[in-house]
Amino acid sequence: MTNQRMDKTSLKFLREWFKKNAAELPWRLADLDAPRDPYAVWISETMLQQTQVSTVREYFIRWMKRFPNVEALAAAEESEVLRYWQGLGYYSRAKNILKTARIVAEHKEFPFTRKELEALPGIGAYTAGAILSLAYHQREAILDGNLVRIFSRLYALDFLPTDKKSKSATSAPIDVYWNYAREVADSPKAYMHNEALMELGRTVCKIKNPECANCPFHADCKAFAENRVSEFPPSKKHVQKDWHGTVLIIESRDHKILAIHGGQKFFKNQFTLPHFESPRNATAGIPAQAETFVGPDQIESVKVIGKFHHGITVHKIECDVLHIQTNSKAPASRNAEIQWVDIKHAQDFFANSFCLKALALL
């Protein structure tokens, strides 16, 4: 590479590598030069955020069968969309997908510019670039974790794009990375360069055990030349928070489960089982917080049925689960924030794995 930049020869090697090594994926066309459906690009790239390709594969296939286009998605109820998203986590992504689908369906087409795309709920710089590049073949850059890792190693960048400043960077860290991404995208083949780099980061320039001998850039990689690949990119500072709580499965005499919408720690905008923070081993009897959801005179029996572990963003969660049976039938719902769900349908109703882990203990 000339002056530590990807020249035409380097990018040609990258394209040749990609054509030989591109994996078969349900959102990738057999013809790597063909423009893709912007809807499919949007859904797949949103699913792939914070999620492994192996996990997303089946979710994408199932999603596209139920919501084959933006019109079908726009017409769906939020509860159904969340069920199809169940297990992918970060449920705000699914909510934003539905909001955006309704906006796009109303306007009859996907936007063609970065400014318009980034104005839509849940679409940021990366997703907008992916749609414009992969679907419309525009010379638009993308920057995801794979490209960050490749650029950091290739040019021995000892800072992350999320860093506020760096002693070794001549400009803002985020600008340094985006400048490299824009150079890659400044080509009629930008769509292939972008996707090839994502594939390279996923399969070769991996976080652990990178396969440097198979990399088309290994002869020009500064980190490889200095035998310092494991040092790049520098590690993020992770702040993990332990959270212990109690989950209530409140079951009425006619076998319905109480679901709460809003006001809960981790699921403020969707239906969930009641839960609250509590000290460990504090489930003997009825916690005072439970009286918010069920009165003492309504309780027939209480049983600790187990515990489960879960992770949400930076939270490392451990929850005890209480099964509370009431002595009366479920009352008619007069509040949009409260719903009683038939126990037979509870697995389908709750759209997050947090609740499903609790229900599995019944």
Protein backbone atom coordinates (compact mmCIF):
# COMPACT_ATOMS: atom_id res chain seq x y z
CA MET A 1 0.00 0.00 0.00
CA THR A 2 1.15 3.51 -0.80
CA ASN A 3 1.56 5.93 2.09
CA GLN A 4 -0.28 3.59 4.39
CA ARG A 5 -3.44 3.74 2.27
CA MET A 6 -5.31 1.02 0.43
CA ASP A 7 -4.28 1.48 -3.18
CA LYS A 8 -6.01 -0.03 -6.24
CA THR A 9 -3.85 -3.15 -6.11
CA SER A 10 -4.70 -3.81 -2.47
CA LEU A 11 -8.42 -3.37 -3.15
CA LYS A 12 -8.18 -5.70 -6.14
CA PHE A 13 -6.65 -8.37 -3.87
CA LEU A 14 -9.53 -7.77 -1.44
CA ARG A 15 -12.17 -8.27 -4.15
CA GLU A 16 -10.48 -11.45 -5.39
CA TRP A 17 -10.32 -12.79 -1.85
CA PHE A 18 -14.00 -12.01 -1.30
CA LYS A 19 -15.16 -13.70 -4.50
CA LYS A 20 -13.35 -16.88 -3.45
CA ASN A 21 -14.38 -16.82 0.21
CA ALA A 22 -17.81 -15.15 0.44
CA ALA A 23 -20.06 -17.29 2.61
CA GLU A 24 -23.56 -18.21 1.50
CA LEU A 25 -25.92 -16.12 3.62
CA PRO A 26 -29.70 -15.75 3.28
CA TRP A 27 -29.42 -11.97 2.82
CA ARG A 28 -26.54 -12.18 0.31
CA LEU A 29 -27.19 -12.67 -3.41
CA ALA A 30 -25.27 -15.29 -5.40
CA ASP A 31 -24.23 -12.53 -7.79
CA LEU A 32 -22.02 -10.38 -5.59
CA ASP A 33 -22.21 -7.50 -8.09
CA ALA A 34 -26.01 -7.32 -8.11
CA PRO A 35 -27.78 -4.51 -6.20
CA ARG A 36 -29.70 -5.82 -3.20
CA ASP A 37 -33.18 -5.14 -1.86
CA PRO A 38 -32.86 -2.15 0.52
CA TYR A 39 -35.48 -3.66 2.83
CA ALA A 40 -33.51 -6.92 3.18
CA VAL A 41 -30.26 -5.00 3.73
CA TRP A 42 -31.89 -2.87 6.42
CA ILE A 43 -33.38 -5.84 8.30
CA SER A 44 -30.25 -8.02 8.12
CA GLU A 45 -27.86 -5.25 9.14
CA THR A 46 -30.09 -4.21 12.05
CA MET A 47 -30.30 -7.82 13.24
CA LEU A 48 -26.52 -8.18 12.94
CA GLN A 49 -25.88 -5.32 15.36
CA GLN A 50 -24.55 -6.90 18.58
CA THR A 51 -25.49 -10.39 17.26
CA GLN A 52 -23.51 -13.22 15.65
CA VAL A 53 -24.13 -14.19 12.02
CA SER A 54 -24.86 -17.79 13.04
CA THR A 55 -27.69 -16.57 15.29
CA VAL A 56 -29.14 -14.08 12.82
CA ARG A 57 -29.35 -16.54 9.92
CA GLU A 58 -32.50 -18.36 11.07
CA TYR A 59 -34.08 -15.21 12.50
CA PHE A 60 -33.72 -13.47 9.14
CA ILE A 61 -35.25 -16.38 7.19
CA ARG A 62 -38.22 -16.58 9.56
CA TRP A 63 -38.70 -12.80 9.54
CA MET A 64 -38.67 -12.52 5.75
CA LYS A 65 -41.23 -15.29 5.40
CA ARG A 66 -43.62 -13.43 7.70
CA PHE A 67 -42.69 -9.86 6.65
CA PRO A 68 -41.42 -10.19 3.05
CA ASN A 69 -41.54 -6.46 2.37
CA VAL A 70 -41.87 -3.15 4.14
CA GLU A 71 -45.63 -3.02 3.52
CA ALA A 72 -46.23 -6.33 5.28
CA LEU A 73 -44.14 -5.18 8.22
CA ALA A 74 -45.84 -1.79 8.43
CA ALA A 75 -49.24 -3.49 8.71
CA ALA A 76 -48.17 -5.74 11.61
CA GLU A 77 -48.96 -5.22 15.30
CA GLU A 78 -46.04 -4.34 17.56
CA SER A 79 -46.65 -7.42 19.73
CA GLU A 80 -46.17 -9.72 16.73
CA VAL A 81 -43.04 -7.90 15.58
CA LEU A 82 -41.57 -8.29 19.06
CA ARG A 83 -42.33 -12.02 19.03
CA TYR A 84 -40.42 -12.45 15.78
CA TRP A 85 -37.56 -10.48 17.33
CA GLN A 86 -37.64 -12.51 20.55
CA GLY A 87 -34.16 -13.72 21.46
CA LEU A 88 -32.21 -11.06 19.56
CA GLY A 89 -32.31 -8.64 22.50
CA TYR A 90 -32.11 -4.84 22.40
CA TYR A 91 -35.86 -4.70 21.74
CA SER A 92 -35.78 -0.98 20.95
CA ARG A 93 -34.34 -2.08 17.59
CA ALA A 94 -37.54 -3.98 16.77
CA LYS A 95 -39.72 -1.08 17.87
CA ASN A 96 -37.73 1.32 15.69
CA ILE A 97 -37.92 -1.07 12.76
CA LEU A 98 -41.72 -0.98 12.95
CA LYS A 99 -41.79 2.82 13.26
CA THR A 100 -39.53 3.19 10.25
CA ALA A 101 -41.47 0.62 8.21
CA ARG A 102 -44.65 2.62 8.68
CA ILE A 103 -42.92 5.84 7.62
CA VAL A 104 -41.37 4.22 4.54
CA ALA A 105 -44.63 2.49 3.57
CA GLU A 106 -46.44 5.80 3.77
CA HIS A 107 -43.90 7.41 1.41
CA LYS A 108 -43.97 4.37 -0.92
CA GLU A 109 -40.19 3.99 -1.21
CA PHE A 110 -36.92 3.84 0.70
CA PRO A 111 -34.95 7.09 0.88
CA PHE A 112 -31.93 7.41 -1.41
CA THR A 113 -29.80 9.77 0.67
CA ARG A 114 -27.86 9.43 3.90
CA LYS A 115 -29.57 12.47 5.41
CA GLU A 116 -33.05 11.04 4.81
CA LEU A 117 -32.11 7.56 6.04
CA GLU A 118 -30.44 8.78 9.22
CA ALA A 119 -33.59 10.78 10.02
CA LEU A 120 -35.54 7.52 10.36
CA PRO A 121 -35.92 5.81 13.78
CA GLY A 122 -33.10 3.38 14.52
CA ILE A 123 -31.06 4.06 11.38
CA GLY A 124 -27.62 5.45 12.15
CA ALA A 125 -24.53 6.18 10.10
CA TYR A 126 -23.55 2.51 9.70
CA THR A 127 -26.98 1.19 8.65
CA ALA A 128 -27.55 4.12 6.31
CA GLY A 129 -24.19 3.47 4.66
CA ALA A 130 -24.96 -0.23 4.29
CA ILE A 131 -28.29 0.46 2.57
CA LEU A 132 -26.84 3.08 0.23
CA SER A 133 -23.79 0.96 -0.58
CA LEU A 134 -25.18 -2.58 -0.82
CA ALA A 135 -28.61 -1.77 -2.23
CA TYR A 136 -28.03 1.34 -4.32
CA HIS A 137 -24.31 0.91 -5.10
CA GLN A 138 -23.53 4.45 -4.02
CA ARG A 139 -20.00 5.40 -2.94
CA GLU A 140 -20.97 5.44 0.71
CA ALA A 141 -18.75 4.35 3.59
CA ILE A 142 -19.65 2.06 6.46
CA LEU A 143 -17.90 1.55 9.76
CA ASP A 144 -18.73 -1.41 11.97
CA GLY A 145 -16.73 -3.40 14.50
CA ASN A 146 -15.11 -5.52 11.80
CA LEU A 147 -13.77 -2.53 9.90
CA VAL A 148 -12.61 -0.87 13.11
CA ARG A 149 -10.59 -3.98 13.96
CA ILE A 150 -9.08 -4.23 10.48
CA PHE A 151 -8.11 -0.55 10.31
CA SER A 152 -6.70 -0.61 13.83
CA ARG A 153 -4.41 -3.53 12.99
CA LEU A 154 -3.58 -2.47 9.47
CA TYR A 155 -2.41 0.98 10.54
CA ALA A 156 -1.55 0.17 14.20
CA LEU A 157 -4.13 2.63 15.55
CA ASP A 158 -3.81 2.56 19.33
CA PHE A 159 -7.17 4.23 19.91
CA LEU A 160 -10.84 3.50 19.26
CA PRO A 161 -13.32 5.62 17.30
CA THR A 162 -15.30 6.01 20.53
CA ASP A 163 -12.35 7.64 22.32
CA LYS A 164 -12.81 11.36 22.87
CA LYS A 165 -9.19 12.07 22.05
CA SER A 166 -5.86 10.37 21.48
CA LYS A 167 -2.24 11.45 21.77
CA SER A 168 -1.33 9.60 18.58
CA ALA A 169 -4.23 10.81 16.44
CA THR A 170 -3.85 14.05 14.50
CA SER A 171 -7.64 14.50 14.40
CA ALA A 172 -10.64 13.17 16.32
CA PRO A 173 -10.45 9.34 16.60
CA ILE A 174 -13.85 8.88 14.99
CA ASP A 175 -12.75 10.99 12.00
CA VAL A 176 -9.58 8.93 11.55
CA TYR A 177 -11.56 5.72 11.21
CA TRP A 178 -14.24 7.24 8.98
CA ASN A 179 -11.57 8.70 6.70
CA TYR A 180 -10.14 5.22 6.14
CA ALA A 181 -13.66 3.91 5.52
CA ARG A 182 -14.35 6.66 2.98
CA GLU A 183 -11.15 5.85 1.11
CA VAL A 184 -12.29 2.25 0.72
CA ALA A 185 -15.70 3.47 -0.48
CA ASP A 186 -14.32 5.94 -3.01
CA SER A 187 -14.73 3.49 -5.86
CA PRO A 188 -17.40 2.14 -8.24
CA LYS A 189 -16.91 -1.14 -6.33
CA ALA A 190 -17.55 0.43 -2.91
CA TYR A 191 -20.38 -2.06 -2.26
CA MET A 192 -18.01 -5.00 -2.66
CA HIS A 193 -15.17 -3.41 -0.69
CA ASN A 194 -17.49 -2.70 2.23
CA GLU A 195 -18.96 -6.18 2.32
CA ALA A 196 -15.59 -7.83 1.74
CA LEU A 197 -14.09 -6.02 4.73
CA MET A 198 -17.01 -7.08 6.94
CA GLU A 199 -16.49 -10.67 5.80
CA LEU A 200 -12.74 -10.42 6.34
CA GLY A 201 -13.23 -9.17 9.89
CA ARG A 202 -15.75 -11.89 10.66
CA THR A 203 -13.78 -14.84 9.29
CA VAL A 204 -10.08 -13.90 9.19
CA CYS A 205 -9.22 -10.73 11.10
CA LYS A 206 -11.12 -12.07 14.11
CA ILE A 207 -11.03 -10.74 17.65
CA LYS A 208 -9.31 -13.90 18.86
CA ASN A 209 -7.02 -16.20 16.90
CA PRO A 210 -6.90 -14.14 13.69
CA GLU A 211 -5.81 -16.09 10.61
CA CYS A 212 -3.24 -13.59 9.40
CA ALA A 213 -1.68 -15.96 6.86
CA ASN A 214 -5.00 -16.02 4.98
CA CYS A 215 -5.45 -12.25 4.97
CA PRO A 216 -5.01 -10.40 1.65
CA PHE A 217 -3.44 -7.50 3.61
CA HIS A 218 -1.00 -9.42 5.79
CA ALA A 219 2.06 -8.21 3.85
CA ASP A 220 1.04 -4.58 4.49
CA CYS A 221 -0.38 -4.91 8.01
CA LYS A 222 1.63 -2.85 10.48
CA ALA A 223 0.44 -4.79 13.53
CA PHE A 224 1.36 -8.10 11.86
CA ALA A 225 4.80 -6.80 10.82
CA GLU A 226 5.48 -5.76 14.41
CA ASN A 227 4.06 -9.02 15.84
CA ARG A 228 1.52 -6.98 17.84
CA VAL A 229 -1.78 -8.12 16.32
CA SER A 230 -3.20 -9.09 19.72
CA GLU A 231 -2.71 -5.50 20.93
CA PHE A 232 -5.10 -4.04 18.36
CA PRO A 233 -7.65 -2.69 18.60
CA PRO A 234 -7.12 -1.58 22.22
CA SER A 235 -9.59 -3.02 24.68
CA LYS A 236 -12.72 -1.14 25.60
CA LYS A 237 -13.29 -0.30 29.21
CA HIS A 238 -16.32 -2.39 30.15
CA VAL A 239 -18.38 -1.37 33.13
CA GLN A 240 -20.55 -4.29 34.18
CA LYS A 241 -23.30 -3.85 36.71
CA ASP A 242 -24.59 -6.69 38.87
CA TRP A 243 -28.33 -6.57 39.44
CA HIS A 244 -30.32 -8.96 41.60
CA GLY A 245 -34.07 -8.97 41.53
CA THR A 246 -37.28 -10.89 42.02
CA VAL A 247 -39.69 -11.81 39.24
CA LEU A 248 -43.34 -12.46 40.05
CA ILE A 249 -45.45 -14.95 38.17
CA ILE A 250 -48.88 -14.04 39.50
CA GLU A 251 -51.45 -16.62 38.42
CA SER A 252 -55.20 -16.21 38.92
CA ARG A 253 -57.59 -19.02 39.80
CA ASP A 254 -58.64 -19.27 36.14
CA HIS A 255 -54.98 -19.74 35.11
CA LYS A 256 -54.10 -16.34 33.76
CA ILE A 257 -50.74 -14.59 34.24
CA LEU A 258 -50.38 -10.92 35.14
CA ALA A 259 -48.49 -8.82 32.56
CA ILE A 260 -47.38 -5.25 33.22
CA HIS A 261 -46.67 -2.58 30.59
CA GLY A 262 -44.40 0.25 31.67
CA GLY A 263 -42.77 1.18 34.94
CA GLN A 264 -40.42 -1.79 35.01
CA LYS A 265 -36.64 -1.74 35.28
CA PHE A 266 -35.62 -3.27 31.96
CA PHE A 267 -38.76 -3.30 29.83
CA LYS A 268 -40.39 0.08 30.16
CA ASN A 269 -42.17 -0.02 26.82
CA GLN A 270 -43.38 -3.57 26.47
CA PHE A 271 -45.37 -6.11 28.43
CA THR A 272 -43.34 -8.04 30.98
CA LEU A 273 -43.68 -9.99 34.20
CA PRO A 274 -43.55 -7.78 37.31
CA HIS A 275 -39.99 -7.53 38.64
CA PHE A 276 -38.06 -5.40 41.07
CA GLU A 277 -34.62 -5.16 42.63
CA SER A 278 -34.13 -7.21 45.79
CA PRO A 279 -31.27 -8.56 47.92
CA ARG A 280 -30.15 -12.13 47.42
CA ASN A 281 -31.91 -14.84 49.45
CA ALA A 282 -34.69 -12.45 50.41
CA THR A 283 -37.63 -14.38 48.99
CA ALA A 284 -39.02 -15.89 52.20
CA GLY A 285 -42.65 -14.80 52.41
CA ILE A 286 -44.11 -12.00 50.32
CA PRO A 287 -41.79 -9.10 49.49
CA ALA A 288 -43.33 -5.74 50.28
CA GLN A 289 -42.87 -4.70 46.63
CA ALA A 290 -45.20 -7.52 45.55
CA GLU A 291 -48.15 -5.73 47.17
CA THR A 292 -47.99 -3.25 44.31
CA PHE A 293 -49.33 -6.02 42.09
CA VAL A 294 -51.34 -8.27 44.42
CA GLY A 295 -52.95 -7.66 47.81
CA PRO A 296 -52.17 -9.97 50.78
CA ASP A 297 -55.82 -10.98 51.03
CA GLN A 298 -55.80 -12.15 47.41
CA ILE A 299 -52.97 -14.64 47.84
CA GLU A 300 -53.71 -18.35 47.92
CA SER A 301 -50.10 -19.61 47.90
CA VAL A 302 -46.52 -18.45 47.33
CA LYS A 303 -43.65 -20.61 46.17
CA VAL A 304 -40.04 -19.90 45.21
CA ILE A 305 -39.68 -21.90 42.00
CA GLY A 306 -36.06 -21.15 41.14
CA LYS A 307 -33.73 -18.54 39.76
CA PHE A 308 -32.19 -17.62 36.42
CA HIS A 309 -29.35 -15.55 35.03
CA HIS A 310 -29.66 -13.06 32.23
CA GLY A 311 -27.75 -10.26 30.53
CA ILE A 312 -29.14 -6.94 29.32
CA THR A 313 -26.68 -4.32 27.98
CA VAL A 314 -24.16 -3.78 30.80
CA HIS A 315 -26.28 -5.54 33.42
CA LYS A 316 -25.39 -8.98 34.70
CA ILE A 317 -28.71 -10.12 36.14
CA GLU A 318 -29.70 -12.80 38.62
CA CYS A 319 -33.36 -13.20 39.53
CA ASP A 320 -35.34 -15.28 41.99
CA VAL A 321 -38.75 -16.28 40.69
CA LEU A 322 -41.86 -16.33 42.87
CA HIS A 323 -45.00 -18.12 41.75
CA ILE A 324 -47.97 -16.49 43.44
CA GLN A 325 -51.41 -18.06 43.03
CA THR A 326 -54.42 -15.91 43.80
CA ASN A 327 -57.79 -16.98 45.26
CA SER A 328 -59.90 -15.30 42.57
CA LYS A 329 -60.34 -15.14 38.84
CA ALA A 330 -58.50 -12.52 36.79
CA PRO A 331 -60.37 -9.22 36.87
CA ALA A 332 -61.43 -7.50 33.66
CA SER A 333 -58.62 -5.27 32.44
CA ARG A 334 -59.56 -1.60 32.80
CA ASN A 335 -56.02 -0.31 32.46
CA ALA A 336 -53.96 -0.40 29.26
CA GLU A 337 -50.86 -1.01 31.41
CA ILE A 338 -52.21 -4.27 32.88
CA GLN A 339 -53.22 -7.43 31.07
CA TRP A 340 -54.07 -10.95 32.20
CA VAL A 341 -52.76 -13.57 29.77
CA ASP A 342 -53.97 -17.14 29.52
CA ILE A 343 -51.14 -19.34 30.78
CA LYS A 344 -51.46 -21.48 27.64
CA HIS A 345 -50.51 -18.48 25.52
CA ALA A 346 -47.94 -16.90 27.83
CA GLN A 347 -44.94 -18.25 25.89
CA ASP A 348 -46.21 -16.51 22.75
CA PHE A 349 -47.37 -13.33 24.49
CA PHE A 350 -44.14 -12.31 26.23
CA ALA A 351 -41.67 -11.15 23.61
CA ASN A 352 -38.44 -11.24 25.62
CA SER A 353 -36.23 -14.05 26.86
CA PHE A 354 -36.11 -12.50 30.36
CA CYS A 355 -39.77 -13.42 30.91
CA LEU A 356 -39.47 -16.74 29.10
CA LYS A 357 -36.66 -17.84 31.40
CA ALA A 358 -38.89 -17.13 34.40
CA LEU A 359 -41.90 -18.90 32.87
CA ALA A 360 -39.76 -21.94 32.04
CA LEU A 361 -39.41 -22.54 35.79
CA LEU A 362 -43.16 -23.12 36.22
